[in-house]
PDB file of N, CA and C in Angstrom:
ATOM      1  N   MET A   1       0.820  -1.187   0.000  1.00  0.00           N
ATOM      2  CA  MET A   1       0.000   0.000   0.000  1.00  0.00           C
ATOM      3  C   MET A   1       0.865   1.253   0.000  1.00  0.00           C
ATOM      4  N   ILE A   2       1.873   1.288   0.819  1.00  0.00           N
ATOM      5  CA  ILE A   2       2.727   2.468   0.901  1.00  0.00           C
ATOM      6  C   ILE A   2       3.499   2.660  -0.397  1.00  0.00           C
ATOM      7  N   GLN A   3       3.912   1.561  -1.036  1.00  0.00           N
ATOM      8  CA  GLN A   3       4.614   1.670  -2.311  1.00  0.00           C
ATOM      9  C   GLN A   3       3.706   2.252  -3.383  1.00  0.00           C
ATOM     10  N   ASN A   4       2.440   1.801  -3.439  1.00  0.00           N
ATOM     11  CA  ASN A   4       1.499   2.375  -4.403  1.00  0.00           C
ATOM     12  C   ASN A   4       1.305   3.863  -4.164  1.00  0.00           C
ATOM     13  N   TRP A   5       1.224   4.250  -2.902  1.00  0.00           N
ATOM     14  CA  TRP A   5       1.026   5.660  -2.568  1.00  0.00           C
ATOM     15  C   TRP A   5       2.238   6.482  -2.980  1.00  0.00           C
ATOM     16  N   GLU A   6       3.446   5.996  -2.681  1.00  0.00           N
ATOM     17  CA  GLU A   6       4.660   6.741  -3.005  1.00  0.00           C
ATOM     18  C   GLU A   6       4.880   6.841  -4.510  1.00  0.00           C
ATOM     19  N   ARG A   7       4.621   5.768  -5.228  1.00  0.00           N
ATOM     20  CA  ARG A   7       4.896   5.750  -6.672  1.00  0.00           C
ATOM     21  C   ARG A   7       3.794   6.399  -7.501  1.00  0.00           C
ATOM     22  N   HIS A   8       2.544   6.108  -7.172  1.00  0.00           N
ATOM     23  CA  HIS A   8       1.453   6.504  -8.049  1.00  0.00           C
ATOM     24  C   HIS A   8       0.393   7.382  -7.385  1.00  0.00           C
ATOM     25  N   GLY A   9       0.452   7.542  -6.076  1.00  0.00           N
ATOM     26  CA  GLY A   9      -0.574   8.306  -5.377  1.00  0.00           C
ATOM     27  C   GLY A   9      -1.909   7.585  -5.316  1.00  0.00           C
ATOM     28  N   THR A  10      -1.881   6.245  -5.316  1.00  0.00           N
ATOM     29  CA  THR A  10      -3.100   5.443  -5.301  1.00  0.00           C
ATOM     30  C   THR A  10      -3.213   4.643  -4.011  1.00  0.00           C
ATOM     31  N   ILE A  11      -4.457   4.310  -3.644  1.00  0.00           N
ATOM     32  CA  ILE A  11      -4.725   3.495  -2.464  1.00  0.00           C
ATOM     33  C   ILE A  11      -5.730   2.429  -2.865  1.00  0.00           C
ATOM     34  N   SER A  12      -5.468   1.178  -2.512  1.00  0.00           N
ATOM     35  CA  SER A  12      -6.349   0.083  -2.908  1.00  0.00           C
ATOM     36  C   SER A  12      -7.680   0.154  -2.166  1.00  0.00           C
ATOM     37  N   GLN A  13      -8.682  -0.476  -2.752  1.00  0.00           N
ATOM     38  CA  GLN A  13     -10.025  -0.492  -2.174  1.00  0.00           C
ATOM     39  C   GLN A  13     -10.034  -1.159  -0.798  1.00  0.00           C
ATOM     40  N   SER A  14      -9.319  -2.263  -0.653  1.00  0.00           N
ATOM     41  CA  SER A  14      -9.304  -2.965   0.636  1.00  0.00           C
ATOM     42  C   SER A  14      -8.629  -2.122   1.717  1.00  0.00           C
ATOM     43  N   ALA A  15      -7.601  -1.379   1.350  1.00  0.00           N
ATOM     44  CA  ALA A  15      -6.942  -0.508   2.327  1.00  0.00           C
ATOM     45  C   ALA A  15      -7.856   0.637   2.747  1.00  0.00           C
ATOM     46  N   LYS A  16      -8.634   1.160   1.808  1.00  0.00           N
ATOM     47  CA  LYS A  16      -9.580   2.227   2.139  1.00  0.00           C
ATOM     48  C   LYS A  16     -10.650   1.721   3.113  1.00  0.00           C
ATOM     49  N   ILE A  17     -11.169   0.543   2.850  1.00  0.00           N
ATOM     50  CA  ILE A  17     -12.206  -0.021   3.717  1.00  0.00           C
ATOM     51  C   ILE A  17     -11.654  -0.318   5.101  1.00  0.00           C
ATOM     52  N   THR A  18     -10.480  -0.928   5.162  1.00  0.00           N
ATOM     53  CA  THR A  18      -9.851  -1.237   6.452  1.00  0.00           C
ATOM     54  C   THR A  18      -9.586   0.032   7.251  1.00  0.00           C
ATOM     55  N   ALA A  19      -9.036   1.036   6.610  1.00  0.00           N
ATOM     56  CA  ALA A  19      -8.740   2.299   7.297  1.00  0.00           C
ATOM     57  C   ALA A  19     -10.022   2.969   7.785  1.00  0.00           C
ATOM     58  N   THR A  20     -11.079   2.922   6.988  1.00  0.00           N
ATOM     59  CA  THR A  20     -12.343   3.542   7.373  1.00  0.00           C
ATOM     60  C   THR A  20     -12.943   2.865   8.599  1.00  0.00           C
ATOM     61  N   VAL A  21     -12.967   1.550   8.600  1.00  0.00           N
ATOM     62  CA  VAL A  21     -13.531   0.808   9.734  1.00  0.00           C
ATOM     63  C   VAL A  21     -12.728   1.081  11.010  1.00  0.00           C
ATOM     64  N   LEU A  22     -11.414   1.045  10.900  1.00  0.00           N
ATOM     65  CA  LEU A  22     -10.574   1.282  12.078  1.00  0.00           C
ATOM     66  C   LEU A  22     -10.705   2.713  12.592  1.00  0.00           C
ATOM     67  N   MET A  23     -10.748   3.675  11.683  1.00  0.00           N
ATOM     68  CA  MET A  23     -10.874   5.071  12.102  1.00  0.00           C
ATOM     69  C   MET A  23     -12.223   5.340  12.757  1.00  0.00           C
ATOM     70  N   ILE A  24     -13.291   4.801  12.178  1.00  0.00           N
ATOM     71  CA  ILE A  24     -14.609   5.009  12.774  1.00  0.00           C
ATOM     72  C   ILE A  24     -14.671   4.385  14.160  1.00  0.00           C
ATOM     73  N   GLY A  25     -14.104   3.197  14.312  1.00  0.00           N
ATOM     74  CA  GLY A  25     -14.070   2.564  15.629  1.00  0.00           C
ATOM     75  C   GLY A  25     -13.291   3.375  16.655  1.00  0.00           C
ATOM     76  N   LEU A  26     -12.118   3.832  16.266  1.00  0.00           N
ATOM     77  CA  LEU A  26     -11.275   4.603  17.192  1.00  0.00           C
ATOM     78  C   LEU A  26     -11.912   5.943  17.540  1.00  0.00           C
ATOM     79  N   PHE A  27     -12.418   6.639  16.544  1.00  0.00           N
ATOM     80  CA  PHE A  27     -13.022   7.940  16.802  1.00  0.00           C
ATOM     81  C   PHE A  27     -14.312   7.793  17.612  1.00  0.00           C
ATOM     82  N   SER A  28     -15.091   6.743  17.345  1.00  0.00           N
ATOM     83  CA  SER A  28     -16.310   6.515  18.122  1.00  0.00           C
ATOM     84  C   SER A  28     -15.981   6.253  19.586  1.00  0.00           C
ATOM     85  N   PHE A  29     -14.969   5.442  19.817  1.00  0.00           N
ATOM     86  CA  PHE A  29     -14.536   5.179  21.191  1.00  0.00           C
ATOM     87  C   PHE A  29     -14.143   6.484  21.874  1.00  0.00           C
ATOM     88  N   SER A  30     -13.384   7.312  21.178  1.00  0.00           N
ATOM     89  CA  SER A  30     -12.940   8.591  21.758  1.00  0.00           C
ATOM     90  C   SER A  30     -14.114   9.502  22.068  1.00  0.00           C
ATOM     91  N   LEU A  31     -15.111   9.514  21.201  1.00  0.00           N
ATOM     92  CA  LEU A  31     -16.247  10.413  21.406  1.00  0.00           C
ATOM     93  C   LEU A  31     -17.173   9.948  22.526  1.00  0.00           C
ATOM     94  N   TRP A  32     -17.377   8.639  22.655  1.00  0.00           N
ATOM     95  CA  TRP A  32     -18.344   8.135  23.625  1.00  0.00           C
ATOM     96  C   TRP A  32     -17.762   7.842  25.006  1.00  0.00           C
ATOM     97  N   TYR A  33     -16.550   7.357  25.083  1.00  0.00           N
ATOM     98  CA  TYR A  33     -16.040   6.879  26.360  1.00  0.00           C
ATOM     99  C   TYR A  33     -15.047   7.812  27.046  1.00  0.00           C
ATOM    100  N   LEU A  34     -14.516   8.776  26.339  1.00  0.00           N
ATOM    101  CA  LEU A  34     -13.593   9.717  26.959  1.00  0.00           C
ATOM    102  C   LEU A  34     -14.319  11.015  27.271  1.00  0.00           C
ATOM    103  N   THR A  35     -13.954  11.625  28.374  1.00  0.00           N
ATOM    104  CA  THR A  35     -14.542  12.896  28.754  1.00  0.00           C
ATOM    105  C   THR A  35     -13.774  14.012  28.050  1.00  0.00           C
ATOM    106  N   LEU A  36     -14.387  14.528  27.003  1.00  0.00           N
ATOM    107  CA  LEU A  36     -13.753  15.576  26.204  1.00  0.00           C
ATOM    108  C   LEU A  36     -14.710  16.756  26.082  1.00  0.00           C
ATOM    109  N   SER A  37     -14.151  17.947  25.877  1.00  0.00           N
ATOM    110  CA  SER A  37     -15.005  19.113  25.686  1.00  0.00           C
ATOM    111  C   SER A  37     -15.710  19.030  24.330  1.00  0.00           C
ATOM    112  N   THR A  38     -16.793  19.758  24.210  1.00  0.00           N
ATOM    113  CA  THR A  38     -17.557  19.771  22.959  1.00  0.00           C
ATOM    114  C   THR A  38     -16.710  20.311  21.813  1.00  0.00           C
ATOM    115  N   LEU A  39     -15.902  21.294  22.079  1.00  0.00           N
ATOM    116  CA  LEU A  39     -15.022  21.863  21.054  1.00  0.00           C
ATOM    117  C   LEU A  39     -14.027  20.818  20.555  1.00  0.00           C
ATOM    118  N   PHE A  40     -13.460  20.062  21.483  1.00  0.00           N
ATOM    119  CA  PHE A  40     -12.499  19.026  21.106  1.00  0.00           C
ATOM    120  C   PHE A  40     -13.191  17.903  20.331  1.00  0.00           C
ATOM    121  N   LYS A  41     -14.400  17.533  20.733  1.00  0.00           N
ATOM    122  CA  LYS A  41     -15.161  16.511  20.003  1.00  0.00           C
ATOM    123  C   LYS A  41     -15.475  16.980  18.583  1.00  0.00           C
ATOM    124  N   GLY A  42     -15.827  18.253  18.446  1.00  0.00           N
ATOM    125  CA  GLY A  42     -16.087  18.803  17.118  1.00  0.00           C
ATOM    126  C   GLY A  42     -14.842  18.791  16.247  1.00  0.00           C
ATOM    127  N   ALA A  43     -13.706  19.131  16.839  1.00  0.00           N
ATOM    128  CA  ALA A  43     -12.442  19.092  16.101  1.00  0.00           C
ATOM    129  C   ALA A  43     -12.100  17.657  15.695  1.00  0.00           C
ATOM    130  N   LEU A  44     -12.376  16.717  16.569  1.00  0.00           N
ATOM    131  CA  LEU A  44     -12.113  15.309  16.279  1.00  0.00           C
ATOM    132  C   LEU A  44     -12.977  14.809  15.119  1.00  0.00           C
ATOM    133  N   VAL A  45     -14.244  15.180  15.126  1.00  0.00           N
ATOM    134  CA  VAL A  45     -15.142  14.790  14.038  1.00  0.00           C
ATOM    135  C   VAL A  45     -14.696  15.439  12.729  1.00  0.00           C
ATOM    136  N   GLY A  46     -14.343  16.706  12.769  1.00  0.00           N
ATOM    137  CA  GLY A  46     -13.876  17.401  11.564  1.00  0.00           C
ATOM    138  C   GLY A  46     -12.602  16.806  11.001  1.00  0.00           C
ATOM    139  N   MET A  47     -11.669  16.478  11.878  1.00  0.00           N
ATOM    140  CA  MET A  47     -10.413  15.889  11.443  1.00  0.00           C
ATOM    141  C   MET A  47     -10.648  14.505  10.841  1.00  0.00           C
ATOM    142  N   GLY A  48     -11.462  13.701  11.482  1.00  0.00           N
ATOM    143  CA  GLY A  48     -11.757  12.369  10.958  1.00  0.00           C
ATOM    144  C   GLY A  48     -12.450  12.432   9.607  1.00  0.00           C
ATOM    145  N   THR A  49     -13.398  13.347   9.482  1.00  0.00           N
ATOM    146  CA  THR A  49     -14.106  13.514   8.211  1.00  0.00           C
ATOM    147  C   THR A  49     -13.147  13.958   7.110  1.00  0.00           C
ATOM    148  N   GLY A  50     -12.260  14.864   7.431  1.00  0.00           N
ATOM    149  CA  GLY A  50     -11.280  15.330   6.443  1.00  0.00           C
ATOM    150  C   GLY A  50     -10.342  14.233   5.984  1.00  0.00           C
ATOM    151  N   VAL A  51      -9.872  13.435   6.925  1.00  0.00           N
ATOM    152  CA  VAL A  51      -8.966  12.336   6.572  1.00  0.00           C
ATOM    153  C   VAL A  51      -9.685  11.299   5.714  1.00  0.00           C
ATOM    154  N   LEU A  52     -10.915  10.954   6.073  1.00  0.00           N
ATOM    155  CA  LEU A  52     -11.669   9.976   5.284  1.00  0.00           C
ATOM    156  C   LEU A  52     -12.007  10.513   3.894  1.00  0.00           C
ATOM    157  N   CYS A  53     -12.342  11.785   3.791  1.00  0.00           N
ATOM    158  CA  CYS A  53     -12.598  12.376   2.469  1.00  0.00           C
ATOM    159  C   CYS A  53     -11.338  12.332   1.610  1.00  0.00           C
ATOM    160  N   PHE A  54     -10.202  12.666   2.195  1.00  0.00           N
ATOM    161  CA  PHE A  54      -8.945  12.596   1.458  1.00  0.00           C
ATOM    162  C   PHE A  54      -8.668  11.172   1.016  1.00  0.00           C
ATOM    163  N   LEU A  55      -8.858  10.233   1.920  1.00  0.00           N
ATOM    164  CA  LEU A  55      -8.591   8.828   1.627  1.00  0.00           C
ATOM    165  C   LEU A  55      -9.451   8.317   0.475  1.00  0.00           C
ATOM    166  N   TRP A  56     -10.733   8.622   0.493  1.00  0.00           N
ATOM    167  CA  TRP A  56     -11.651   8.085  -0.517  1.00  0.00           C
ATOM    168  C   TRP A  56     -11.586   8.836  -1.845  1.00  0.00           C
ATOM    169  N   THR A  57     -10.932   9.996  -1.887  1.00  0.00           N
ATOM    170  CA  THR A  57     -10.773  10.685  -3.165  1.00  0.00           C
ATOM    171  C   THR A  57      -9.503  10.281  -3.897  1.00  0.00           C
ATOM    172  N   ARG A  58      -8.655   9.481  -3.268  1.00  0.00           N
ATOM    173  CA  ARG A  58      -7.452   8.983  -3.949  1.00  0.00           C
ATOM    174  C   ARG A  58      -7.869   7.926  -4.964  1.00  0.00           C
ATOM    175  N   PRO A  59      -7.199   7.882  -6.109  1.00  0.00           N
ATOM    176  CA  PRO A  59      -7.564   6.893  -7.137  1.00  0.00           C
ATOM    177  C   PRO A  59      -7.160   5.480  -6.743  1.00  0.00           C
ATOM    178  N   LEU A  60      -7.791   4.507  -7.415  1.00  0.00           N
ATOM    179  CA  LEU A  60      -7.432   3.103  -7.230  1.00  0.00           C
ATOM    180  C   LEU A  60      -6.212   2.784  -8.091  1.00  0.00           C
ATOM    181  N   PRO A  61      -5.413   1.810  -7.686  1.00  0.00           N
ATOM    182  CA  PRO A  61      -4.299   1.375  -8.540  1.00  0.00           C
ATOM    183  C   PRO A  61      -4.828   0.852  -9.872  1.00  0.00           C
ATOM    184  N   LEU A  62      -4.024   0.926 -10.911  1.00  0.00           N
ATOM    185  CA  LEU A  62      -4.457   0.526 -12.251  1.00  0.00           C
ATOM    186  C   LEU A  62      -4.908  -0.922 -12.320  1.00  0.00           C
ATOM    187  N   ARG A  63      -4.296  -1.812 -11.551  1.00  0.00           N
ATOM    188  CA  ARG A  63      -4.692  -3.216 -11.620  1.00  0.00           C
ATOM    189  C   ARG A  63      -6.132  -3.401 -11.175  1.00  0.00           C
ATOM    190  N   HIS A  64      -6.617  -2.569 -10.233  1.00  0.00           N
ATOM    191  CA  HIS A  64      -8.017  -2.639  -9.823  1.00  0.00           C
ATOM    192  C   HIS A  64      -8.913  -2.124 -10.933  1.00  0.00           C
ATOM    193  N   LEU A  65      -8.490  -1.105 -11.627  1.00  0.00           N
ATOM    194  CA  LEU A  65      -9.295  -0.572 -12.714  1.00  0.00           C
ATOM    195  C   LEU A  65      -9.392  -1.583 -13.848  1.00  0.00           C
ATOM    196  N   ASP A  66      -8.323  -2.351 -14.104  1.00  0.00           N
ATOM    197  CA  ASP A  66      -8.354  -3.373 -15.139  1.00  0.00           C
ATOM    198  C   ASP A  66      -9.352  -4.467 -14.794  1.00  0.00           C
ATOM    199  N   GLU A  67      -9.440  -4.833 -13.514  1.00  0.00           N
ATOM    200  CA  GLU A  67     -10.357  -5.885 -13.100  1.00  0.00           C
ATOM    201  C   GLU A  67     -11.808  -5.432 -13.208  1.00  0.00           C
ATOM    202  N   LEU A  68     -12.066  -4.152 -13.010  1.00  0.00           N
ATOM    203  CA  LEU A  68     -13.425  -3.650 -13.012  1.00  0.00           C
ATOM    204  C   LEU A  68     -13.918  -3.271 -14.406  1.00  0.00           C
ATOM    205  N   SER A  69     -13.019  -3.038 -15.334  1.00  0.00           N
ATOM    206  CA  SER A  69     -13.439  -2.578 -16.661  1.00  0.00           C
ATOM    207  C   SER A  69     -13.724  -3.743 -17.589  1.00  0.00           C
ATOM    208  N   ASN A  70     -14.447  -3.465 -18.644  1.00  0.00           N
ATOM    209  CA  ASN A  70     -14.736  -4.461 -19.659  1.00  0.00           C
ATOM    210  C   ASN A  70     -13.767  -4.365 -20.830  1.00  0.00           C
ATOM    211  N   GLY A  71     -12.859  -3.414 -20.763  1.00  0.00           N
ATOM    212  CA  GLY A  71     -11.920  -3.186 -21.855  1.00  0.00           C
ATOM    213  C   GLY A  71     -10.742  -4.131 -21.800  1.00  0.00           C
ATOM    214  N   PRO A  72      -9.754  -3.885 -22.631  1.00  0.00           N
ATOM    215  CA  PRO A  72      -8.566  -4.744 -22.645  1.00  0.00           C
ATOM    216  C   PRO A  72      -7.802  -4.650 -21.333  1.00  0.00           C
ATOM    217  N   THR A  73      -7.147  -5.750 -20.978  1.00  0.00           N
ATOM    218  CA  THR A  73      -6.431  -5.787 -19.702  1.00  0.00           C
ATOM    219  C   THR A  73      -5.015  -5.250 -19.821  1.00  0.00           C
ATOM    220  N   ASP A  74      -4.605  -4.819 -21.008  1.00  0.00           N
ATOM    221  CA  ASP A  74      -3.257  -4.283 -21.160  1.00  0.00           C
ATOM    222  C   ASP A  74      -3.272  -2.757 -21.126  1.00  0.00           C
ATOM    223  N   ALA A  75      -4.175  -2.175 -20.356  1.00  0.00           N
ATOM    224  CA  ALA A  75      -4.278  -0.731 -20.268  1.00  0.00           C
ATOM    225  C   ALA A  75      -3.020  -0.115 -19.685  1.00  0.00           C
ATOM    226  N   CYS A  76      -2.342  -0.828 -18.781  1.00  0.00           N
ATOM    227  CA  CYS A  76      -1.106  -0.313 -18.203  1.00  0.00           C
ATOM    228  C   CYS A  76      -0.056  -0.115 -19.289  1.00  0.00           C
ATOM    229  N   GLU A  77       0.037  -1.053 -20.203  1.00  0.00           N
ATOM    230  CA  GLU A  77       1.003  -0.924 -21.284  1.00  0.00           C
ATOM    231  C   GLU A  77       0.648   0.232 -22.204  1.00  0.00           C
ATOM    232  N   ASP A  78      -0.640   0.445 -22.439  1.00  0.00           N
ATOM    233  CA  ASP A  78      -1.064   1.574 -23.273  1.00  0.00           C
ATOM    234  C   ASP A  78      -0.667   2.891 -22.626  1.00  0.00           C
ATOM    235  N   LEU A  79      -0.826   3.012 -21.319  1.00  0.00           N
ATOM    236  CA  LEU A  79      -0.441   4.234 -20.631  1.00  0.00           C
ATOM    237  C   LEU A  79       1.052   4.465 -20.685  1.00  0.00           C
ATOM    238  N   VAL A  80       1.837   3.414 -20.592  1.00  0.00           N
ATOM    239  CA  VAL A  80       3.288   3.559 -20.654  1.00  0.00           C
ATOM    240  C   VAL A  80       3.692   4.040 -22.044  1.00  0.00           C
ATOM    241  N   ARG A  81       3.077   3.497 -23.071  1.00  0.00           N
ATOM    242  CA  ARG A  81       3.393   3.914 -24.441  1.00  0.00           C
ATOM    243  C   ARG A  81       3.001   5.356 -24.688  1.00  0.00           C
ATOM    244  N   LEU A  82       1.891   5.803 -24.094  1.00  0.00           N
ATOM    245  CA  LEU A  82       1.455   7.178 -24.282  1.00  0.00           C
ATOM    246  C   LEU A  82       2.374   8.167 -23.580  1.00  0.00           C
ATOM    247  N   GLY A  83       2.909   7.755 -22.409  1.00  0.00           N
ATOM    248  CA  GLY A  83       3.738   8.663 -21.607  1.00  0.00           C
ATOM    249  C   GLY A  83       5.078   8.761 -22.172  1.00  0.00           C
TER     250      GLY A  83
END
């Protein structure tokens, strides 16, 4: 996952789902079980929402796009030739 991010700026679908579930669990625990001020809780919700929005707006790696498309599976080679 980190290699895809460093090389291409992409994050796989499974990594997005895993990160979302873990973040929601951690942030929910912080909001319900810890005694925090309303301002801090609002900042926590805003920060979590921002991170999740950033995460889900990152593109999928090309191999995932090849699996989901009905087109030819050599799209990676076509992109290399174009670049």
